[in-house]
Amino acid sequence: MLKKFIGESAFKLAGWQYQVEPNILENKQVIVGFEHTSMMDAILSLALFQIYDIKIHTLIKKELFKGPLKPILEKVGGIPVDRKSNKDIVSQMVELFDQNEHFNLVIAPEATRAKTGEARKPIRTGFWHIAKAANVPIVLMYANSQTKQGGIFGKIYPTDLDHDMALIQQLYKEHVGLDIVIPEPKTTQSNT
């Protein structure tokens, strides 16, 4: 109850509202969030997870897991990632999904932020590759700083990268009015 109270208080103090569609969350999923425009998005996301008593994990570069910061990062579900490791990040995450009965990996994909006046770049698709390889759904979370609303509103099961990116773009536009930029579809070229 205390966690829920703290989470709800964070939303009230920030002047934000949240909504979570019932029955979206499963035992295992990759949760992605758009738009990531400030640290407030991260704080409110953590508050939302507290309200719904959802234990989350997120990728953090291993160099930060030193000294007094290490126990704090571990407490908030940080997973140290060694980008120089022989084992790629997708394989590392698949192992964690396989080893745990409940596992929520939260990712704010790169390229969701842009400085004022800059064109946003297409989102990075690592989250899709992790979800596809782990055979788990991608849950869609949002934070709209203009309307001060956030929450969880949908999910997809990864099948085809280009199709799924277009679907994610469409869902964010239709349900929460957010425009996200997706990568150009891959075209196959013939050697003939």
N, C-alpha and C. Protein backbone atom coordinates (compact mmCIF):
# COMPACT_ATOMS: atom_id res chain seq x y z
N MET A 1 0.81 -1.21 0.00
CA MET A 1 0.00 0.00 0.00
C MET A 1 0.85 1.27 0.00
N LEU A 2 1.99 1.21 0.70
CA LEU A 2 2.86 2.38 0.76
C LEU A 2 3.43 2.71 -0.62
N LYS A 3 3.85 1.66 -1.35
CA LYS A 3 4.38 1.87 -2.69
C LYS A 3 3.33 2.53 -3.59
N LYS A 4 2.11 2.05 -3.50
CA LYS A 4 1.03 2.60 -4.32
C LYS A 4 0.78 4.06 -3.96
N PHE A 5 0.77 4.35 -2.65
CA PHE A 5 0.55 5.72 -2.19
C PHE A 5 1.65 6.65 -2.71
N ILE A 6 2.90 6.19 -2.63
CA ILE A 6 4.03 7.01 -3.10
C ILE A 6 3.91 7.25 -4.60
N GLY A 7 3.58 6.19 -5.35
CA GLY A 7 3.43 6.32 -6.80
C GLY A 7 2.33 7.27 -7.17
N GLU A 8 1.17 7.15 -6.54
CA GLU A 8 0.04 8.03 -6.84
C GLU A 8 0.36 9.48 -6.45
N SER A 9 1.09 9.64 -5.35
CA SER A 9 1.49 10.98 -4.91
C SER A 9 2.41 11.64 -5.93
N ALA A 10 3.31 10.87 -6.52
CA ALA A 10 4.22 11.42 -7.54
C ALA A 10 3.43 11.97 -8.72
N PHE A 11 2.41 11.23 -9.15
CA PHE A 11 1.59 11.71 -10.26
C PHE A 11 0.81 12.96 -9.87
N LYS A 12 0.26 12.95 -8.67
CA LYS A 12 -0.52 14.10 -8.21
C LYS A 12 0.36 15.35 -8.11
N LEU A 13 1.55 15.21 -7.53
CA LEU A 13 2.45 16.35 -7.39
C LEU A 13 2.91 16.89 -8.74
N ALA A 14 3.10 16.01 -9.70
CA ALA A 14 3.54 16.43 -11.03
C ALA A 14 2.39 16.97 -11.88
N GLY A 15 1.16 16.76 -11.41
CA GLY A 15 0.00 17.22 -12.17
C GLY A 15 -0.32 16.33 -13.37
N TRP A 16 0.13 15.08 -13.31
CA TRP A 16 -0.08 14.12 -14.39
C TRP A 16 -1.20 13.16 -14.03
N GLN A 17 -1.77 12.52 -15.05
CA GLN A 17 -2.74 11.45 -14.87
C GLN A 17 -2.20 10.20 -15.56
N TYR A 18 -2.60 9.04 -15.07
CA TYR A 18 -2.15 7.79 -15.67
C TYR A 18 -3.34 6.87 -15.92
N GLN A 19 -3.13 5.96 -16.85
CA GLN A 19 -4.14 4.97 -17.16
C GLN A 19 -3.44 3.70 -17.63
N VAL A 20 -3.90 2.57 -17.13
CA VAL A 20 -3.37 1.28 -17.56
C VAL A 20 -4.54 0.43 -18.01
N GLU A 21 -4.50 0.00 -19.26
CA GLU A 21 -5.57 -0.87 -19.77
C GLU A 21 -5.49 -2.21 -19.04
N PRO A 22 -6.62 -2.72 -18.56
CA PRO A 22 -6.61 -3.98 -17.83
C PRO A 22 -6.21 -5.15 -18.73
N ASN A 23 -5.64 -6.14 -18.13
CA ASN A 23 -5.28 -7.41 -18.78
C ASN A 23 -4.23 -7.30 -19.87
N ILE A 24 -3.45 -6.23 -19.90
CA ILE A 24 -2.39 -6.13 -20.90
C ILE A 24 -1.13 -6.84 -20.44
N LEU A 25 -0.80 -6.66 -19.18
CA LEU A 25 0.46 -7.19 -18.67
C LEU A 25 0.42 -8.71 -18.52
N GLU A 26 1.54 -9.33 -18.85
CA GLU A 26 1.70 -10.77 -18.70
C GLU A 26 2.82 -11.04 -17.70
N ASN A 27 3.20 -12.29 -17.53
CA ASN A 27 4.29 -12.60 -16.60
C ASN A 27 5.64 -12.15 -17.12
N LYS A 28 5.78 -12.13 -18.45
CA LYS A 28 7.03 -11.72 -19.08
C LYS A 28 6.72 -10.82 -20.27
N GLN A 29 7.48 -9.70 -20.40
CA GLN A 29 7.30 -8.80 -21.53
C GLN A 29 8.42 -7.79 -21.60
N VAL A 30 8.56 -7.21 -22.78
CA VAL A 30 9.43 -6.05 -22.97
C VAL A 30 8.48 -4.86 -23.01
N ILE A 31 8.71 -3.90 -22.12
CA ILE A 31 7.87 -2.71 -22.05
C ILE A 31 8.66 -1.55 -22.66
N VAL A 32 8.09 -0.93 -23.69
CA VAL A 32 8.75 0.22 -24.32
C VAL A 32 7.95 1.48 -24.03
N GLY A 33 8.67 2.58 -23.92
CA GLY A 33 8.01 3.83 -23.60
C GLY A 33 8.42 4.95 -24.54
N PHE A 34 7.43 5.70 -25.00
CA PHE A 34 7.64 6.88 -25.83
C PHE A 34 6.80 7.99 -25.25
N GLU A 35 7.01 9.19 -25.31
CA GLU A 35 8.26 9.78 -25.69
C GLU A 35 9.12 9.94 -24.45
N HIS A 36 10.40 9.89 -24.64
CA HIS A 36 11.31 10.10 -23.52
C HIS A 36 11.92 11.48 -23.71
N THR A 37 11.34 12.45 -23.02
CA THR A 37 11.76 13.84 -23.23
C THR A 37 12.51 14.44 -22.05
N SER A 38 12.36 13.83 -20.86
CA SER A 38 13.04 14.38 -19.68
C SER A 38 13.15 13.30 -18.60
N MET A 39 13.86 13.62 -17.56
CA MET A 39 13.97 12.69 -16.42
C MET A 39 12.62 12.49 -15.75
N MET A 40 11.71 13.44 -15.90
CA MET A 40 10.38 13.30 -15.31
C MET A 40 9.68 12.06 -15.87
N ASP A 41 9.91 11.74 -17.15
CA ASP A 41 9.32 10.54 -17.74
C ASP A 41 9.76 9.29 -16.97
N ALA A 42 11.05 9.23 -16.65
CA ALA A 42 11.59 8.08 -15.93
C ALA A 42 11.00 8.01 -14.52
N ILE A 43 10.91 9.15 -13.85
CA ILE A 43 10.36 9.19 -12.49
C ILE A 43 8.90 8.74 -12.48
N LEU A 44 8.12 9.25 -13.42
CA LEU A 44 6.71 8.87 -13.48
C LEU A 44 6.53 7.42 -13.91
N SER A 45 7.42 6.92 -14.75
CA SER A 45 7.36 5.50 -15.11
C SER A 45 7.59 4.63 -13.89
N LEU A 46 8.60 4.99 -13.10
CA LEU A 46 8.86 4.23 -11.87
C LEU A 46 7.67 4.32 -10.92
N ALA A 47 7.05 5.49 -10.85
CA ALA A 47 5.87 5.65 -9.99
C ALA A 47 4.73 4.75 -10.46
N LEU A 48 4.53 4.68 -11.77
CA LEU A 48 3.47 3.84 -12.33
C LEU A 48 3.72 2.36 -11.98
N PHE A 49 4.97 1.94 -12.08
CA PHE A 49 5.28 0.55 -11.73
C PHE A 49 5.06 0.29 -10.24
N GLN A 50 5.30 1.29 -9.41
CA GLN A 50 5.03 1.15 -7.98
C GLN A 50 3.53 1.00 -7.72
N ILE A 51 2.73 1.80 -8.39
CA ILE A 51 1.27 1.76 -8.20
C ILE A 51 0.74 0.35 -8.50
N TYR A 52 1.25 -0.25 -9.58
CA TYR A 52 0.76 -1.56 -9.99
C TYR A 52 1.61 -2.71 -9.47
N ASP A 53 2.55 -2.41 -8.57
CA ASP A 53 3.42 -3.41 -7.95
C ASP A 53 4.08 -4.30 -9.01
N ILE A 54 4.69 -3.65 -10.00
CA ILE A 54 5.37 -4.35 -11.08
C ILE A 54 6.87 -4.22 -10.87
N LYS A 55 7.53 -5.35 -10.69
CA LYS A 55 8.99 -5.33 -10.56
C LYS A 55 9.57 -5.26 -11.97
N ILE A 56 10.41 -4.26 -12.18
CA ILE A 56 10.97 -4.05 -13.51
C ILE A 56 12.49 -4.22 -13.51
N HIS A 57 13.01 -4.36 -14.71
CA HIS A 57 14.45 -4.40 -14.95
C HIS A 57 14.73 -3.50 -16.14
N THR A 58 15.90 -2.90 -16.13
CA THR A 58 16.28 -2.05 -17.25
C THR A 58 17.78 -2.16 -17.48
N LEU A 59 18.19 -1.94 -18.69
CA LEU A 59 19.60 -2.07 -19.07
C LEU A 59 20.38 -0.81 -18.72
N ILE A 60 21.51 -1.03 -18.04
CA ILE A 60 22.37 0.09 -17.64
C ILE A 60 23.81 -0.35 -17.88
N LYS A 61 24.63 0.54 -18.44
CA LYS A 61 26.00 0.14 -18.72
C LYS A 61 26.73 -0.26 -17.44
N LYS A 62 27.51 -1.34 -17.53
CA LYS A 62 28.12 -1.96 -16.36
C LYS A 62 29.07 -1.04 -15.62
N GLU A 63 29.63 -0.05 -16.31
CA GLU A 63 30.57 0.87 -15.67
C GLU A 63 29.94 1.66 -14.52
N LEU A 64 28.64 1.79 -14.52
CA LEU A 64 27.96 2.55 -13.46
C LEU A 64 27.76 1.71 -12.18
N PHE A 65 27.94 0.41 -12.27
CA PHE A 65 27.73 -0.47 -11.13
C PHE A 65 28.98 -0.53 -10.27
N LYS A 66 29.37 0.61 -9.72
CA LYS A 66 30.56 0.72 -8.87
C LYS A 66 30.23 1.57 -7.66
N GLY A 67 30.91 1.29 -6.57
CA GLY A 67 30.79 2.09 -5.37
C GLY A 67 29.38 2.15 -4.82
N PRO A 68 28.99 3.31 -4.26
CA PRO A 68 27.67 3.42 -3.61
C PRO A 68 26.49 3.38 -4.59
N LEU A 69 26.76 3.58 -5.87
CA LEU A 69 25.69 3.55 -6.86
C LEU A 69 25.21 2.13 -7.16
N LYS A 70 26.10 1.15 -6.98
CA LYS A 70 25.78 -0.24 -7.33
C LYS A 70 24.53 -0.76 -6.61
N PRO A 71 24.42 -0.68 -5.28
CA PRO A 71 23.22 -1.22 -4.63
C PRO A 71 21.94 -0.47 -5.01
N ILE A 72 22.06 0.81 -5.30
CA ILE A 72 20.88 1.58 -5.72
C ILE A 72 20.40 1.10 -7.08
N LEU A 73 21.34 0.93 -8.02
CA LEU A 73 20.97 0.47 -9.36
C LEU A 73 20.39 -0.94 -9.32
N GLU A 74 20.95 -1.79 -8.47
CA GLU A 74 20.42 -3.14 -8.34
C GLU A 74 19.02 -3.12 -7.74
N LYS A 75 18.79 -2.25 -6.78
CA LYS A 75 17.49 -2.14 -6.11
C LYS A 75 16.38 -1.71 -7.08
N VAL A 76 16.72 -0.83 -8.02
CA VAL A 76 15.71 -0.37 -8.98
C VAL A 76 15.62 -1.27 -10.22
N GLY A 77 16.30 -2.43 -10.18
CA GLY A 77 16.17 -3.39 -11.27
C GLY A 77 17.16 -3.21 -12.40
N GLY A 78 18.23 -2.49 -12.13
CA GLY A 78 19.24 -2.30 -13.17
C GLY A 78 19.97 -3.59 -13.51
N ILE A 79 20.20 -3.81 -14.79
CA ILE A 79 20.95 -4.97 -15.26
C ILE A 79 22.23 -4.43 -15.89
N PRO A 80 23.39 -4.80 -15.33
CA PRO A 80 24.64 -4.31 -15.92
C PRO A 80 24.88 -4.94 -17.29
N VAL A 81 25.13 -4.11 -18.27
CA VAL A 81 25.34 -4.59 -19.64
C VAL A 81 26.77 -4.28 -20.04
N ASP A 82 27.46 -5.32 -20.50
CA ASP A 82 28.82 -5.17 -21.01
C ASP A 82 28.74 -5.16 -22.53
N ARG A 83 28.84 -3.97 -23.09
CA ARG A 83 28.72 -3.84 -24.55
C ARG A 83 29.91 -4.43 -25.28
N LYS A 84 31.00 -4.70 -24.54
CA LYS A 84 32.19 -5.28 -25.17
C LYS A 84 32.22 -6.80 -25.00
N SER A 85 31.22 -7.36 -24.38
CA SER A 85 31.16 -8.80 -24.14
C SER A 85 31.06 -9.57 -25.45
N ASN A 86 31.56 -10.82 -25.42
CA ASN A 86 31.44 -11.69 -26.60
C ASN A 86 29.98 -12.07 -26.83
N LYS A 87 29.18 -12.03 -25.78
CA LYS A 87 27.77 -12.40 -25.90
C LYS A 87 26.96 -11.13 -26.13
N ASP A 88 26.14 -11.13 -27.18
CA ASP A 88 25.38 -9.93 -27.49
C ASP A 88 24.27 -9.70 -26.46
N ILE A 89 23.77 -8.48 -26.42
CA ILE A 89 22.77 -8.09 -25.44
C ILE A 89 21.48 -8.88 -25.61
N VAL A 90 21.09 -9.16 -26.85
CA VAL A 90 19.87 -9.94 -27.08
C VAL A 90 19.99 -11.31 -26.41
N SER A 91 21.11 -11.98 -26.60
CA SER A 91 21.31 -13.30 -25.98
C SER A 91 21.30 -13.21 -24.46
N GLN A 92 21.92 -12.17 -23.92
CA GLN A 92 21.93 -11.98 -22.46
C GLN A 92 20.51 -11.83 -21.93
N MET A 93 19.68 -11.07 -22.64
CA MET A 93 18.31 -10.84 -22.18
C MET A 93 17.45 -12.10 -22.33
N VAL A 94 17.65 -12.85 -23.41
CA VAL A 94 16.90 -14.09 -23.60
C VAL A 94 17.19 -15.04 -22.43
N GLU A 95 18.44 -15.12 -22.01
CA GLU A 95 18.79 -15.97 -20.86
C GLU A 95 18.03 -15.54 -19.62
N LEU A 96 17.95 -14.23 -19.38
CA LEU A 96 17.23 -13.75 -18.20
C LEU A 96 15.74 -14.05 -18.29
N PHE A 97 15.15 -13.89 -19.46
CA PHE A 97 13.74 -14.25 -19.62
C PHE A 97 13.54 -15.74 -19.36
N ASP A 98 14.46 -16.57 -19.86
CA ASP A 98 14.34 -18.02 -19.67
C ASP A 98 14.51 -18.44 -18.21
N GLN A 99 15.33 -17.72 -17.46
CA GLN A 99 15.65 -18.08 -16.08
C GLN A 99 14.61 -17.60 -15.07
N ASN A 100 13.70 -16.73 -15.48
CA ASN A 100 12.76 -16.14 -14.53
C ASN A 100 11.31 -16.43 -14.92
N GLU A 101 10.49 -16.71 -13.91
CA GLU A 101 9.06 -16.95 -14.15
C GLU A 101 8.33 -15.64 -14.45
N HIS A 102 8.79 -14.56 -13.83
CA HIS A 102 8.24 -13.22 -14.06
C HIS A 102 9.40 -12.31 -14.42
N PHE A 103 9.29 -11.60 -15.53
CA PHE A 103 10.39 -10.71 -15.94
C PHE A 103 9.84 -9.61 -16.82
N ASN A 104 10.04 -8.36 -16.39
CA ASN A 104 9.60 -7.17 -17.11
C ASN A 104 10.82 -6.33 -17.45
N LEU A 105 11.17 -6.31 -18.73
CA LEU A 105 12.30 -5.51 -19.18
C LEU A 105 11.75 -4.21 -19.76
N VAL A 106 12.16 -3.09 -19.17
CA VAL A 106 11.67 -1.77 -19.59
C VAL A 106 12.77 -1.07 -20.39
N ILE A 107 12.40 -0.60 -21.57
CA ILE A 107 13.36 0.07 -22.45
C ILE A 107 12.73 1.35 -23.01
N ALA A 108 13.48 2.45 -22.90
CA ALA A 108 13.12 3.68 -23.61
C ALA A 108 14.05 3.72 -24.81
N PRO A 109 13.58 3.28 -25.98
CA PRO A 109 14.47 3.16 -27.13
C PRO A 109 15.19 4.46 -27.46
N GLU A 110 16.43 4.31 -27.89
CA GLU A 110 17.20 5.49 -28.30
C GLU A 110 16.50 6.16 -29.46
N ALA A 111 16.77 7.44 -29.60
CA ALA A 111 16.22 8.29 -30.66
C ALA A 111 14.78 8.68 -30.40
N THR A 112 14.35 8.63 -29.14
CA THR A 112 13.01 9.12 -28.83
C THR A 112 13.07 10.57 -28.38
N ARG A 113 14.27 11.11 -28.22
CA ARG A 113 14.41 12.50 -27.82
C ARG A 113 15.02 13.32 -28.95
N ALA A 114 14.67 14.57 -29.00
CA ALA A 114 15.31 15.50 -29.93
C ALA A 114 15.29 16.88 -29.30
N LYS A 115 16.38 17.63 -29.50
CA LYS A 115 16.41 19.00 -29.01
C LYS A 115 15.40 19.82 -29.79
N THR A 116 14.94 20.89 -29.20
CA THR A 116 13.96 21.75 -29.84
C THR A 116 14.44 22.16 -31.22
N GLY A 117 13.57 21.96 -32.21
CA GLY A 117 13.90 22.35 -33.57
C GLY A 117 14.60 21.27 -34.38
N GLU A 118 15.11 20.22 -33.73
CA GLU A 118 15.79 19.14 -34.45
C GLU A 118 14.78 18.11 -34.91
N ALA A 119 15.06 17.52 -36.04
CA ALA A 119 14.24 16.40 -36.51
C ALA A 119 14.62 15.16 -35.70
N ARG A 120 13.62 14.42 -35.30
CA ARG A 120 13.90 13.19 -34.56
C ARG A 120 14.39 12.11 -35.51
N LYS A 121 15.27 11.28 -35.01
CA LYS A 121 15.78 10.17 -35.79
C LYS A 121 14.85 8.97 -35.59
N PRO A 122 14.94 7.99 -36.48
CA PRO A 122 14.14 6.78 -36.30
C PRO A 122 14.54 6.06 -35.00
N ILE A 123 13.56 5.45 -34.37
CA ILE A 123 13.83 4.74 -33.12
C ILE A 123 14.74 3.55 -33.37
N ARG A 124 15.49 3.18 -32.34
CA ARG A 124 16.33 1.99 -32.39
C ARG A 124 15.43 0.79 -32.14
N THR A 125 15.73 -0.34 -32.74
CA THR A 125 14.83 -1.50 -32.69
C THR A 125 15.33 -2.66 -31.83
N GLY A 126 16.32 -2.42 -30.99
CA GLY A 126 16.84 -3.50 -30.15
C GLY A 126 15.77 -4.15 -29.30
N PHE A 127 14.81 -3.37 -28.81
CA PHE A 127 13.73 -3.92 -27.99
C PHE A 127 12.95 -4.99 -28.74
N TRP A 128 12.74 -4.76 -30.05
CA TRP A 128 11.99 -5.72 -30.86
C TRP A 128 12.77 -7.03 -30.98
N HIS A 129 14.07 -6.92 -31.21
CA HIS A 129 14.90 -8.12 -31.36
C HIS A 129 14.93 -8.93 -30.07
N ILE A 130 14.97 -8.25 -28.93
CA ILE A 130 14.94 -8.95 -27.64
C ILE A 130 13.61 -9.67 -27.47
N ALA A 131 12.50 -8.96 -27.70
CA ALA A 131 11.17 -9.57 -27.52
C ALA A 131 10.97 -10.75 -28.47
N LYS A 132 11.38 -10.60 -29.71
CA LYS A 132 11.22 -11.67 -30.71
C LYS A 132 12.03 -12.90 -30.29
N ALA A 133 13.29 -12.69 -29.91
CA ALA A 133 14.16 -13.82 -29.54
C ALA A 133 13.68 -14.49 -28.25
N ALA A 134 13.12 -13.71 -27.32
CA ALA A 134 12.65 -14.27 -26.04
C ALA A 134 11.22 -14.79 -26.14
N ASN A 135 10.57 -14.55 -27.29
CA ASN A 135 9.19 -14.99 -27.50
C ASN A 135 8.24 -14.39 -26.46
N VAL A 136 8.36 -13.07 -26.26
CA VAL A 136 7.49 -12.35 -25.32
C VAL A 136 6.87 -11.16 -26.03
N PRO A 137 5.74 -10.65 -25.52
CA PRO A 137 5.12 -9.49 -26.16
C PRO A 137 5.86 -8.19 -25.88
N ILE A 138 5.58 -7.21 -26.71
CA ILE A 138 6.05 -5.84 -26.51
C ILE A 138 4.85 -5.05 -25.99
N VAL A 139 4.99 -4.51 -24.79
CA VAL A 139 3.92 -3.73 -24.17
C VAL A 139 4.21 -2.25 -24.41
N LEU A 140 3.19 -1.50 -24.78
CA LEU A 140 3.34 -0.11 -25.18
C LEU A 140 2.96 0.84 -24.04
N MET A 141 3.92 1.66 -23.67
CA MET A 141 3.76 2.62 -22.58
C MET A 141 3.96 4.01 -23.17
N TYR A 142 3.33 5.01 -22.59
CA TYR A 142 3.50 6.36 -23.13
C TYR A 142 3.59 7.39 -22.01
N ALA A 143 4.23 8.50 -22.37
CA ALA A 143 4.28 9.68 -21.52
C ALA A 143 4.16 10.87 -22.47
N ASN A 144 3.08 11.59 -22.36
CA ASN A 144 2.84 12.73 -23.23
C ASN A 144 2.94 14.00 -22.39
N SER A 145 4.07 14.69 -22.51
CA SER A 145 4.31 15.86 -21.67
C SER A 145 3.38 17.03 -22.00
N GLN A 146 2.84 17.06 -23.21
CA GLN A 146 1.92 18.15 -23.57
C GLN A 146 0.57 17.99 -22.88
N THR A 147 0.08 16.75 -22.80
CA THR A 147 -1.21 16.51 -22.16
C THR A 147 -1.07 16.10 -20.69
N LYS A 148 0.17 15.86 -20.25
CA LYS A 148 0.46 15.39 -18.90
C LYS A 148 -0.31 14.11 -18.58
N GLN A 149 -0.27 13.19 -19.53
CA GLN A 149 -0.91 11.89 -19.35
C GLN A 149 0.08 10.80 -19.70
N GLY A 150 -0.04 9.68 -19.01
CA GLY A 150 0.83 8.55 -19.28
C GLY A 150 0.13 7.26 -18.93
N GLY A 151 0.75 6.17 -19.33
CA GLY A 151 0.18 4.88 -18.98
C GLY A 151 0.61 3.77 -19.91
N ILE A 152 -0.12 2.68 -19.82
CA ILE A 152 0.11 1.49 -20.64
C ILE A 152 -1.18 1.24 -21.40
N PHE A 153 -1.08 1.11 -22.74
CA PHE A 153 -2.32 1.05 -23.51
C PHE A 153 -2.42 -0.10 -24.49
N GLY A 154 -1.36 -0.84 -24.75
CA GLY A 154 -1.47 -1.90 -25.74
C GLY A 154 -0.28 -2.82 -25.74
N LYS A 155 -0.37 -3.87 -26.57
CA LYS A 155 0.77 -4.78 -26.75
C LYS A 155 0.68 -5.44 -28.11
N ILE A 156 1.84 -5.85 -28.58
CA ILE A 156 1.91 -6.62 -29.81
C ILE A 156 2.82 -7.82 -29.57
N TYR A 157 2.63 -8.83 -30.37
CA TYR A 157 3.52 -9.98 -30.35
C TYR A 157 4.40 -9.89 -31.60
N PRO A 158 5.72 -9.80 -31.43
CA PRO A 158 6.59 -9.57 -32.58
C PRO A 158 6.53 -10.69 -33.61
N THR A 159 6.43 -10.29 -34.87
CA THR A 159 6.40 -11.25 -35.98
C THR A 159 7.38 -10.84 -37.07
N ASP A 160 7.20 -9.63 -37.61
CA ASP A 160 8.03 -9.12 -38.70
C ASP A 160 8.43 -7.69 -38.34
N LEU A 161 9.71 -7.40 -38.39
CA LEU A 161 10.21 -6.11 -37.93
C LEU A 161 9.52 -4.93 -38.61
N ASP A 162 9.51 -4.91 -39.93
CA ASP A 162 8.93 -3.76 -40.64
C ASP A 162 7.44 -3.61 -40.34
N HIS A 163 6.72 -4.70 -40.37
CA HIS A 163 5.28 -4.68 -40.08
C HIS A 163 5.03 -4.19 -38.65
N ASP A 164 5.80 -4.73 -37.71
CA ASP A 164 5.59 -4.39 -36.30
C ASP A 164 5.94 -2.94 -36.00
N MET A 165 7.00 -2.42 -36.63
CA MET A 165 7.35 -1.01 -36.41
C MET A 165 6.24 -0.10 -36.94
N ALA A 166 5.70 -0.44 -38.09
CA ALA A 166 4.60 0.36 -38.65
C ALA A 166 3.37 0.28 -37.75
N LEU A 167 3.11 -0.90 -37.19
CA LEU A 167 1.97 -1.07 -36.29
C LEU A 167 2.17 -0.27 -35.00
N ILE A 168 3.37 -0.31 -34.44
CA ILE A 168 3.66 0.45 -33.23
C ILE A 168 3.47 1.95 -33.50
N GLN A 169 3.98 2.42 -34.63
CA GLN A 169 3.82 3.82 -35.00
C GLN A 169 2.33 4.18 -35.09
N GLN A 170 1.55 3.34 -35.73
CA GLN A 170 0.12 3.57 -35.89
C GLN A 170 -0.60 3.57 -34.55
N LEU A 171 -0.28 2.62 -33.68
CA LEU A 171 -0.94 2.53 -32.38
C LEU A 171 -0.67 3.76 -31.52
N TYR A 172 0.58 4.23 -31.51
CA TYR A 172 0.89 5.43 -30.73
C TYR A 172 0.15 6.65 -31.29
N LYS A 173 0.07 6.75 -32.60
CA LYS A 173 -0.62 7.88 -33.21
C LYS A 173 -2.12 7.84 -32.89
N GLU A 174 -2.75 6.68 -33.07
CA GLU A 174 -4.20 6.55 -32.88
C GLU A 174 -4.62 6.64 -31.42
N HIS A 175 -3.89 5.99 -30.53
CA HIS A 175 -4.34 5.89 -29.14
C HIS A 175 -3.90 7.04 -28.25
N VAL A 176 -2.72 7.59 -28.51
CA VAL A 176 -2.25 8.64 -27.60
C VAL A 176 -1.76 9.90 -28.32
N GLY A 177 -1.91 9.94 -29.65
CA GLY A 177 -1.57 11.13 -30.40
C GLY A 177 -0.09 11.45 -30.48
N LEU A 178 0.76 10.44 -30.31
CA LEU A 178 2.20 10.66 -30.39
C LEU A 178 2.73 10.19 -31.74
N ASP A 179 3.59 11.03 -32.32
CA ASP A 179 4.24 10.66 -33.57
C ASP A 179 5.63 10.14 -33.25
N ILE A 180 5.88 8.88 -33.58
CA ILE A 180 7.23 8.35 -33.43
C ILE A 180 7.77 8.07 -34.83
N VAL A 181 9.06 8.24 -34.98
CA VAL A 181 9.70 8.03 -36.27
C VAL A 181 10.28 6.62 -36.27
N ILE A 182 9.90 5.84 -37.28
CA ILE A 182 10.38 4.46 -37.36
C ILE A 182 11.42 4.34 -38.47
N PRO A 183 12.24 3.29 -38.40
CA PRO A 183 13.22 3.09 -39.48
C PRO A 183 12.53 2.81 -40.81
N GLU A 184 13.20 3.16 -41.89
CA GLU A 184 12.70 2.83 -43.22
C GLU A 184 12.62 1.31 -43.34
N PRO A 185 11.58 0.80 -43.99
CA PRO A 185 11.49 -0.66 -44.16
C PRO A 185 12.71 -1.20 -44.92
N LYS A 186 13.12 -2.40 -44.53
CA LYS A 186 14.23 -3.07 -45.21
C LYS A 186 13.69 -3.64 -46.52
N THR A 187 14.46 -3.46 -47.57
CA THR A 187 14.05 -4.06 -48.84
C THR A 187 15.07 -5.13 -49.19
N THR A 188 14.60 -6.22 -49.71
CA THR A 188 15.51 -7.29 -50.10
C THR A 188 15.97 -7.04 -51.51
N GLN A 189 17.24 -7.21 -51.73
CA GLN A 189 17.78 -6.99 -53.05
C GLN A 189 18.18 -8.32 -53.66
N SER A 190 17.91 -8.45 -54.91
CA SER A 190 18.23 -9.67 -55.63
C SER A 190 19.63 -9.54 -56.22
N ASN A 191 20.34 -10.65 -56.27
CA ASN A 191 21.67 -10.66 -56.87
C ASN A 191 21.61 -10.91 -58.37
N THR A 192 20.43 -11.00 -58.93
CA THR A 192 20.32 -11.27 -60.36
C THR A 192 20.23 -10.02 -61.17
